[in-house]
Amino acid sequence: MPTDDTLEVKKNSIDVSHKLLNQIIKLPNIDYKYVSINDWKNQKFDPIEIGKNLVILPTKDYENKFRNKKKIYLEPGLAFGTGHHPTTKMCIEELEKRIHINDTILDVGCGSGILMIAAQVLGASKSYGIDIDDDAINSAKNNIKNAGYENDTFLAKTKLSETNFPKKFDLVMANIASKVLIEISSELISLLSKKSTLIISGILGDKINDVIKSFELSGGKVINTRSIDSWHVSIIKRGF
């Protein structure tokens, strides 16, 4: 969380929610630690192997260790998405299973750009990404540039309803909060053709029921849902 005027309000909200949840299930204590912006931007992580053929690497120092893997080099910066979190991991796994060579991709809430880079590594022709956060767009731009996909990707700081991107995509991904998924479910379904696939995640616990209901009412057909540590990913097709 940024150390601005809203910090104490946010901390209090987290503490209250933690106490309420603690009445239902025993949770560990919350520890707060100040981290400078410079340290946060330059955080490092160990290599992460995902799916059958992918590995996420912080630097090229590990290149020789993973000769037979398709590599994603990433500096998360201030944005969400390194592959550690279950939702990012599951999205990449599902992407690897379902992408086809020369597919066009849209990532809604692109964060660090990790899903867009993964799509390009796996053979997408073009990847588009949107986010409403400045740090996310800057991080994604930097990571995409370092990965060498500047000419094949398009980024915009905007809401989904305000993009001037293509009207249909072969594969759409949205790893964002349940509330937002529900709000834009109709818009996401409208981006699909009969053969397109939608991958959604960012859904925790029982919220999956509300999310699935919203997409089904919007004309989607949920063909698969799986979970890691109470986080869910769902695969959706256009239902008509």
C-alpha atoms as a PDB file:
ATOM      1  CA  MET A   1       0.000   0.000   0.000  1.00  0.00           C
ATOM      2  CA  PRO A   2       1.328   3.489  -0.750  1.00  0.00           C
ATOM      3  CA  THR A   3       2.222   5.596   2.290  1.00  0.00           C
ATOM      4  CA  ASP A   4      -0.256   8.373   1.540  1.00  0.00           C
ATOM      5  CA  ASP A   5      -3.176   9.958   3.420  1.00  0.00           C
ATOM      6  CA  THR A   6      -5.304   6.833   2.953  1.00  0.00           C
ATOM      7  CA  LEU A   7      -2.804   4.412   4.553  1.00  0.00           C
ATOM      8  CA  GLU A   8      -4.273   4.352   8.074  1.00  0.00           C
ATOM      9  CA  VAL A   9      -7.823   3.980   6.766  1.00  0.00           C
ATOM     10  CA  LYS A  10      -6.762   1.020   4.629  1.00  0.00           C
ATOM     11  CA  LYS A  11      -4.869  -0.594   7.504  1.00  0.00           C
ATOM     12  CA  ASN A  12      -7.867  -0.210   9.817  1.00  0.00           C
ATOM     13  CA  SER A  13     -10.135  -1.773   7.194  1.00  0.00           C
ATOM     14  CA  ILE A  14      -7.768  -4.732   6.821  1.00  0.00           C
ATOM     15  CA  ASP A  15      -7.512  -5.168  10.603  1.00  0.00           C
ATOM     16  CA  VAL A  16     -11.297  -5.132  11.044  1.00  0.00           C
ATOM     17  CA  SER A  17     -11.771  -7.664   8.239  1.00  0.00           C
ATOM     18  CA  HIS A  18      -9.050  -9.847   9.739  1.00  0.00           C
ATOM     19  CA  LYS A  19     -10.752  -9.838  13.150  1.00  0.00           C
ATOM     20  CA  LEU A  20     -14.108 -10.775  11.622  1.00  0.00           C
ATOM     21  CA  LEU A  21     -12.632 -13.623   9.577  1.00  0.00           C
ATOM     22  CA  ASN A  22     -10.736 -14.788  12.641  1.00  0.00           C
ATOM     23  CA  GLN A  23     -14.086 -15.571  14.266  1.00  0.00           C
ATOM     24  CA  ILE A  24     -14.704 -18.138  11.525  1.00  0.00           C
ATOM     25  CA  ILE A  25     -11.242 -19.540  10.908  1.00  0.00           C
ATOM     26  CA  LYS A  26      -7.985 -19.088  12.806  1.00  0.00           C
ATOM     27  CA  LEU A  27      -5.702 -16.759  10.837  1.00  0.00           C
ATOM     28  CA  PRO A  28      -2.083 -15.774  11.442  1.00  0.00           C
ATOM     29  CA  ASN A  29      -1.352 -12.293  12.718  1.00  0.00           C
ATOM     30  CA  ILE A  30      -0.815  -9.501  10.211  1.00  0.00           C
ATOM     31  CA  ASP A  31       2.597  -7.865  10.190  1.00  0.00           C
ATOM     32  CA  TYR A  32       3.187  -4.528   8.483  1.00  0.00           C
ATOM     33  CA  LYS A  33       6.603  -3.626   7.136  1.00  0.00           C
ATOM     34  CA  TYR A  34       7.721  -0.415   5.432  1.00  0.00           C
ATOM     35  CA  VAL A  35       9.425  -0.993   2.100  1.00  0.00           C
ATOM     36  CA  SER A  36      10.893   1.871   0.080  1.00  0.00           C
ATOM     37  CA  ILE A  37       9.581   2.406  -3.446  1.00  0.00           C
ATOM     38  CA  ASN A  38      13.059   1.685  -4.794  1.00  0.00           C
ATOM     39  CA  ASP A  39      13.258  -1.678  -2.972  1.00  0.00           C
ATOM     40  CA  TRP A  40       9.743  -2.588  -4.107  1.00  0.00           C
ATOM     41  CA  LYS A  41      10.503  -1.751  -7.725  1.00  0.00           C
ATOM     42  CA  ASN A  42      13.687  -3.811  -7.613  1.00  0.00           C
ATOM     43  CA  GLN A  43      12.336  -6.855  -5.800  1.00  0.00           C
ATOM     44  CA  LYS A  44      13.657 -10.198  -7.029  1.00  0.00           C
ATOM     45  CA  PHE A  45      12.246 -13.705  -6.999  1.00  0.00           C
ATOM     46  CA  ASP A  46      13.396 -17.242  -7.681  1.00  0.00           C
ATOM     47  CA  PRO A  47      12.616 -18.915 -11.025  1.00  0.00           C
ATOM     48  CA  ILE A  48       9.059 -20.229 -11.266  1.00  0.00           C
ATOM     49  CA  GLU A  49       8.230 -23.195 -13.492  1.00  0.00           C
ATOM     50  CA  ILE A  50       4.613 -23.107 -14.681  1.00  0.00           C
ATOM     51  CA  GLY A  51       2.693 -25.551 -16.840  1.00  0.00           C
ATOM     52  CA  LYS A  52       4.543 -27.950 -19.119  1.00  0.00           C
ATOM     53  CA  ASN A  53       7.009 -25.683 -20.885  1.00  0.00           C
ATOM     54  CA  LEU A  54       7.211 -22.276 -19.224  1.00  0.00           C
ATOM     55  CA  VAL A  55       9.545 -20.740 -16.675  1.00  0.00           C
ATOM     56  CA  ILE A  56       9.454 -17.191 -15.279  1.00  0.00           C
ATOM     57  CA  LEU A  57      12.902 -15.756 -14.620  1.00  0.00           C
ATOM     58  CA  PRO A  58      14.021 -12.559 -12.853  1.00  0.00           C
ATOM     59  CA  THR A  59      17.222 -12.262 -14.911  1.00  0.00           C
ATOM     60  CA  LYS A  60      19.092 -14.003 -17.716  1.00  0.00           C
ATOM     61  CA  ASP A  61      21.538 -15.399 -15.146  1.00  0.00           C
ATOM     62  CA  TYR A  62      19.352 -18.530 -15.020  1.00  0.00           C
ATOM     63  CA  GLU A  63      19.187 -18.988 -18.782  1.00  0.00           C
ATOM     64  CA  ASN A  64      21.425 -22.077 -18.996  1.00  0.00           C
ATOM     65  CA  LYS A  65      19.580 -23.830 -16.184  1.00  0.00           C
ATOM     66  CA  PHE A  66      16.336 -23.953 -18.186  1.00  0.00           C
ATOM     67  CA  ARG A  67      17.527 -24.696 -21.718  1.00  0.00           C
ATOM     68  CA  ASN A  68      14.430 -26.679 -22.701  1.00  0.00           C
ATOM     69  CA  LYS A  69      11.867 -24.222 -21.328  1.00  0.00           C
ATOM     70  CA  LYS A  70      10.131 -21.255 -22.926  1.00  0.00           C
ATOM     71  CA  LYS A  71      11.310 -18.299 -20.867  1.00  0.00           C
ATOM     72  CA  ILE A  72       9.492 -15.261 -19.526  1.00  0.00           C
ATOM     73  CA  TYR A  73      11.810 -12.582 -18.113  1.00  0.00           C
ATOM     74  CA  LEU A  74      10.073 -10.312 -15.669  1.00  0.00           C
ATOM     75  CA  GLU A  75      10.639  -7.381 -13.331  1.00  0.00           C
ATOM     76  CA  PRO A  76       7.361  -6.932 -11.421  1.00  0.00           C
ATOM     77  CA  GLY A  77       8.073  -3.360 -10.294  1.00  0.00           C
ATOM     78  CA  LEU A  78       5.029  -1.854  -8.612  1.00  0.00           C
ATOM     79  CA  ALA A  79       2.526  -4.023 -10.473  1.00  0.00           C
ATOM     80  CA  PHE A  80       0.822  -7.291  -9.585  1.00  0.00           C
ATOM     81  CA  GLY A  81       1.917 -10.480 -11.296  1.00  0.00           C
ATOM     82  CA  THR A  82       5.063 -12.580 -11.044  1.00  0.00           C
ATOM     83  CA  GLY A  83       3.570 -16.072 -11.160  1.00  0.00           C
ATOM     84  CA  HIS A  84       3.777 -16.728  -7.425  1.00  0.00           C
ATOM     85  CA  HIS A  85       0.111 -16.016  -6.804  1.00  0.00           C
ATOM     86  CA  PRO A  86      -2.305 -18.907  -7.498  1.00  0.00           C
ATOM     87  CA  THR A  87      -4.444 -16.803  -9.851  1.00  0.00           C
ATOM     88  CA  THR A  88      -1.522 -15.787 -12.060  1.00  0.00           C
ATOM     89  CA  LYS A  89      -0.198 -19.347 -12.054  1.00  0.00           C
ATOM     90  CA  MET A  90      -3.559 -20.844 -13.034  1.00  0.00           C
ATOM     91  CA  CYS A  91      -4.136 -18.248 -15.765  1.00  0.00           C
ATOM     92  CA  ILE A  92      -0.777 -19.075 -17.352  1.00  0.00           C
ATOM     93  CA  GLU A  93      -1.461 -22.807 -17.106  1.00  0.00           C
ATOM     94  CA  GLU A  94      -4.849 -22.420 -18.770  1.00  0.00           C
ATOM     95  CA  LEU A  95      -3.380 -20.087 -21.388  1.00  0.00           C
ATOM     96  CA  GLU A  96      -0.766 -22.686 -22.279  1.00  0.00           C
ATOM     97  CA  LYS A  97      -3.460 -25.359 -22.699  1.00  0.00           C
ATOM     98  CA  ARG A  98      -5.806 -23.288 -24.845  1.00  0.00           C
ATOM     99  CA  ILE A  99      -3.826 -20.858 -26.981  1.00  0.00           C
ATOM    100  CA  HIS A 100      -3.311 -21.501 -30.700  1.00  0.00           C
ATOM    101  CA  ILE A 101      -0.539 -20.162 -32.913  1.00  0.00           C
ATOM    102  CA  ASN A 102      -1.425 -16.666 -34.273  1.00  0.00           C
ATOM    103  CA  ASP A 103      -4.273 -16.107 -31.811  1.00  0.00           C
ATOM    104  CA  THR A 104      -5.118 -12.524 -30.869  1.00  0.00           C
ATOM    105  CA  ILE A 105      -5.201 -11.982 -27.102  1.00  0.00           C
ATOM    106  CA  LEU A 106      -6.722  -9.438 -24.722  1.00  0.00           C
ATOM    107  CA  ASP A 107      -5.638  -9.137 -21.076  1.00  0.00           C
ATOM    108  CA  VAL A 108      -8.039  -7.086 -18.951  1.00  0.00           C
ATOM    109  CA  GLY A 109      -6.175  -5.796 -15.898  1.00  0.00           C
ATOM    110  CA  CYS A 110      -2.747  -6.559 -17.325  1.00  0.00           C
ATOM    111  CA  GLY A 111      -0.678  -5.701 -14.222  1.00  0.00           C
ATOM    112  CA  SER A 112       2.981  -6.493 -14.882  1.00  0.00           C
ATOM    113  CA  GLY A 113       2.185  -7.700 -18.407  1.00  0.00           C
ATOM    114  CA  ILE A 114       3.072 -11.279 -17.532  1.00  0.00           C
ATOM    115  CA  LEU A 115       0.045 -12.852 -19.265  1.00  0.00           C
ATOM    116  CA  MET A 116       0.642 -10.835 -22.436  1.00  0.00           C
ATOM    117  CA  ILE A 117       4.286 -11.892 -22.522  1.00  0.00           C
ATOM    118  CA  ALA A 118       3.321 -15.515 -21.875  1.00  0.00           C
ATOM    119  CA  ALA A 119       0.848 -15.330 -24.775  1.00  0.00           C
ATOM    120  CA  GLN A 120       3.559 -14.036 -27.132  1.00  0.00           C
ATOM    121  CA  VAL A 121       6.031 -16.676 -25.978  1.00  0.00           C
ATOM    122  CA  LEU A 122       3.362 -19.300 -26.707  1.00  0.00           C
ATOM    123  CA  GLY A 123       2.738 -18.062 -30.254  1.00  0.00           C
ATOM    124  CA  ALA A 124       0.124 -15.293 -30.191  1.00  0.00           C
ATOM    125  CA  SER A 125       0.197 -12.946 -33.169  1.00  0.00           C
ATOM    126  CA  LYS A 126      -0.915  -9.862 -31.208  1.00  0.00           C
ATOM    127  CA  SER A 127      -1.595  -9.212 -27.526  1.00  0.00           C
ATOM    128  CA  TYR A 128      -3.595  -6.279 -26.188  1.00  0.00           C
ATOM    129  CA  GLY A 129      -3.697  -5.182 -22.559  1.00  0.00           C
ATOM    130  CA  ILE A 130      -5.556  -2.641 -20.485  1.00  0.00           C
ATOM    131  CA  ASP A 131      -5.275  -1.444 -16.902  1.00  0.00           C
ATOM    132  CA  ILE A 132      -6.476   1.586 -14.971  1.00  0.00           C
ATOM    133  CA  ASP A 133      -3.305   1.853 -12.890  1.00  0.00           C
ATOM    134  CA  ASP A 134      -0.328   3.963 -14.029  1.00  0.00           C
ATOM    135  CA  ASP A 135       2.237   1.754 -12.289  1.00  0.00           C
ATOM    136  CA  ALA A 136       0.796  -1.337 -13.976  1.00  0.00           C
ATOM    137  CA  ILE A 137       0.976   0.188 -17.451  1.00  0.00           C
ATOM    138  CA  ASN A 138       4.535   1.427 -16.867  1.00  0.00           C
ATOM    139  CA  SER A 139       5.610  -1.954 -15.519  1.00  0.00           C
ATOM    140  CA  ALA A 140       3.957  -3.811 -18.400  1.00  0.00           C
ATOM    141  CA  LYS A 141       5.590  -1.510 -20.971  1.00  0.00           C
ATOM    142  CA  ASN A 142       9.001  -2.078 -19.431  1.00  0.00           C
ATOM    143  CA  ASN A 143       8.625  -5.862 -19.222  1.00  0.00           C
ATOM    144  CA  ILE A 144       7.246  -6.154 -22.751  1.00  0.00           C
ATOM    145  CA  LYS A 145      10.083  -4.019 -24.112  1.00  0.00           C
ATOM    146  CA  ASN A 146      12.687  -6.132 -22.308  1.00  0.00           C
ATOM    147  CA  ALA A 147      11.033  -9.289 -23.643  1.00  0.00           C
ATOM    148  CA  GLY A 148      11.260  -7.967 -27.205  1.00  0.00           C
ATOM    149  CA  TYR A 149       7.526  -7.859 -27.996  1.00  0.00           C
ATOM    150  CA  GLU A 150       6.987  -4.095 -28.392  1.00  0.00           C
ATOM    151  CA  ASN A 151       5.868  -4.450 -32.007  1.00  0.00           C
ATOM    152  CA  ASP A 152       3.351  -7.199 -31.285  1.00  0.00           C
ATOM    153  CA  THR A 153       1.613  -5.761 -28.217  1.00  0.00           C
ATOM    154  CA  PHE A 154      -0.688  -2.840 -27.496  1.00  0.00           C
ATOM    155  CA  LEU A 155      -1.299  -1.257 -24.087  1.00  0.00           C
ATOM    156  CA  ALA A 156      -3.851   1.297 -22.938  1.00  0.00           C
ATOM    157  CA  LYS A 157      -4.646   2.922 -19.601  1.00  0.00           C
ATOM    158  CA  THR A 158      -8.399   2.768 -19.849  1.00  0.00           C
ATOM    159  CA  LYS A 159     -11.551   0.961 -18.852  1.00  0.00           C
ATOM    160  CA  LEU A 160     -12.755  -1.913 -21.007  1.00  0.00           C
ATOM    161  CA  SER A 161     -15.769   0.079 -22.180  1.00  0.00           C
ATOM    162  CA  GLU A 162     -13.533   2.890 -23.469  1.00  0.00           C
ATOM    163  CA  THR A 163     -10.975   0.949 -25.543  1.00  0.00           C
ATOM    164  CA  ASN A 164     -10.548   1.333 -29.279  1.00  0.00           C
ATOM    165  CA  PHE A 165      -9.155  -2.195 -29.583  1.00  0.00           C
ATOM    166  CA  PRO A 166     -10.644  -4.853 -31.911  1.00  0.00           C
ATOM    167  CA  LYS A 167     -14.189  -5.973 -31.126  1.00  0.00           C
ATOM    168  CA  LYS A 168     -13.388  -9.702 -31.032  1.00  0.00           C
ATOM    169  CA  PHE A 169     -10.451 -11.773 -29.767  1.00  0.00           C
ATOM    170  CA  ASP A 170      -9.480 -15.424 -29.965  1.00  0.00           C
ATOM    171  CA  LEU A 171      -8.657 -15.524 -26.263  1.00  0.00           C
ATOM    172  CA  VAL A 172      -9.521 -13.081 -23.479  1.00  0.00           C
ATOM    173  CA  MET A 173      -8.057 -13.119 -19.963  1.00  0.00           C
ATOM    174  CA  ALA A 174      -9.215 -11.219 -16.890  1.00  0.00           C
ATOM    175  CA  ASN A 175      -7.414 -11.840 -13.599  1.00  0.00           C
ATOM    176  CA  ILE A 176      -9.159  -9.174 -11.548  1.00  0.00           C
ATOM    177  CA  ALA A 177     -11.431  -8.782  -8.523  1.00  0.00           C
ATOM    178  CA  SER A 178     -14.718 -10.701  -8.417  1.00  0.00           C
ATOM    179  CA  LYS A 179     -16.742  -7.507  -8.115  1.00  0.00           C
ATOM    180  CA  VAL A 180     -15.226  -6.096 -11.293  1.00  0.00           C
ATOM    181  CA  LEU A 181     -15.666  -9.396 -13.157  1.00  0.00           C
ATOM    182  CA  ILE A 182     -19.365  -9.319 -12.325  1.00  0.00           C
ATOM    183  CA  GLU A 183     -19.677  -5.672 -13.397  1.00  0.00           C
ATOM    184  CA  ILE A 184     -18.079  -6.273 -16.818  1.00  0.00           C
ATOM    185  CA  SER A 185     -19.282  -9.827 -17.489  1.00  0.00           C
ATOM    186  CA  SER A 186     -21.479  -8.759 -20.411  1.00  0.00           C
ATOM    187  CA  GLU A 187     -18.650  -6.738 -21.970  1.00  0.00           C
ATOM    188  CA  LEU A 188     -16.253  -9.674 -21.684  1.00  0.00           C
ATOM    189  CA  ILE A 189     -18.722 -12.095 -23.290  1.00  0.00           C
ATOM    190  CA  SER A 190     -19.296  -9.638 -26.141  1.00  0.00           C
ATOM    191  CA  LEU A 191     -15.601  -9.911 -27.066  1.00  0.00           C
ATOM    192  CA  LEU A 192     -15.942 -13.617 -27.822  1.00  0.00           C
ATOM    193  CA  SER A 193     -16.769 -15.299 -31.099  1.00  0.00           C
ATOM    194  CA  LYS A 194     -18.117 -18.856 -31.165  1.00  0.00           C
ATOM    195  CA  LYS A 195     -14.607 -20.317 -31.094  1.00  0.00           C
ATOM    196  CA  SER A 196     -13.123 -17.852 -28.584  1.00  0.00           C
ATOM    197  CA  THR A 197     -12.156 -18.644 -24.999  1.00  0.00           C
ATOM    198  CA  LEU A 198     -12.379 -16.499 -21.876  1.00  0.00           C
ATOM    199  CA  ILE A 199     -10.152 -17.191 -18.866  1.00  0.00           C
ATOM    200  CA  ILE A 200     -11.211 -15.453 -15.646  1.00  0.00           C
ATOM    201  CA  SER A 201      -9.551 -15.497 -12.227  1.00  0.00           C
ATOM    202  CA  GLY A 202      -8.993 -13.353  -9.158  1.00  0.00           C
ATOM    203  CA  ILE A 203     -11.972 -15.060  -7.519  1.00  0.00           C
ATOM    204  CA  LEU A 204     -11.733 -16.099  -3.870  1.00  0.00           C
ATOM    205  CA  GLY A 205     -13.896 -18.580  -1.967  1.00  0.00           C
ATOM    206  CA  ASP A 206     -17.672 -18.557  -2.347  1.00  0.00           C
ATOM    207  CA  LYS A 207     -17.567 -15.530  -4.659  1.00  0.00           C
ATOM    208  CA  ILE A 208     -17.174 -18.014  -7.497  1.00  0.00           C
ATOM    209  CA  ASN A 209     -20.906 -18.765  -7.332  1.00  0.00           C
ATOM    210  CA  ASP A 210     -21.876 -15.119  -7.907  1.00  0.00           C
ATOM    211  CA  VAL A 211     -19.307 -14.756 -10.685  1.00  0.00           C
ATOM    212  CA  ILE A 212     -20.469 -17.864 -12.548  1.00  0.00           C
ATOM    213  CA  LYS A 213     -24.112 -16.796 -12.248  1.00  0.00           C
ATOM    214  CA  SER A 214     -23.288 -13.367 -13.678  1.00  0.00           C
ATOM    215  CA  PHE A 215     -21.463 -14.802 -16.701  1.00  0.00           C
ATOM    216  CA  GLU A 216     -24.194 -17.332 -17.396  1.00  0.00           C
ATOM    217  CA  LEU A 217     -26.822 -14.573 -17.295  1.00  0.00           C
ATOM    218  CA  SER A 218     -24.633 -12.598 -19.711  1.00  0.00           C
ATOM    219  CA  GLY A 219     -24.660 -15.419 -22.243  1.00  0.00           C
ATOM    220  CA  GLY A 220     -21.554 -17.329 -21.220  1.00  0.00           C
ATOM    221  CA  LYS A 221     -21.139 -21.056 -20.723  1.00  0.00           C
ATOM    222  CA  VAL A 222     -18.714 -22.116 -17.983  1.00  0.00           C
ATOM    223  CA  ILE A 223     -16.929 -25.235 -19.198  1.00  0.00           C
ATOM    224  CA  ASN A 224     -14.430 -25.712 -16.385  1.00  0.00           C
ATOM    225  CA  THR A 225     -13.487 -24.318 -12.963  1.00  0.00           C
ATOM    226  CA  ARG A 226     -10.572 -25.317 -10.775  1.00  0.00           C
ATOM    227  CA  SER A 227      -8.935 -23.977  -7.625  1.00  0.00           C
ATOM    228  CA  ILE A 228      -5.700 -23.538  -5.683  1.00  0.00           C
ATOM    229  CA  ASP A 229      -5.868 -22.437  -2.029  1.00  0.00           C
ATOM    230  CA  SER A 230      -9.492 -21.234  -2.407  1.00  0.00           C
ATOM    231  CA  TRP A 231      -8.612 -19.099  -5.459  1.00  0.00           C
ATOM    232  CA  HIS A 232     -10.499 -20.040  -8.614  1.00  0.00           C
ATOM    233  CA  VAL A 233     -10.033 -19.916 -12.359  1.00  0.00           C
ATOM    234  CA  SER A 234     -12.904 -20.508 -14.798  1.00  0.00           C
ATOM    235  CA  ILE A 235     -12.957 -21.194 -18.513  1.00  0.00           C
ATOM    236  CA  ILE A 236     -15.903 -19.681 -20.361  1.00  0.00           C
ATOM    237  CA  LYS A 237     -17.229 -19.952 -23.900  1.00  0.00           C
ATOM    238  CA  ARG A 238     -19.931 -17.948 -25.602  1.00  0.00           C
ATOM    239  CA  GLY A 239     -23.191 -19.748 -24.978  1.00  0.00           C
ATOM    240  CA  PHE A 240     -24.996 -18.751 -28.186  1.00  0.00           C
END
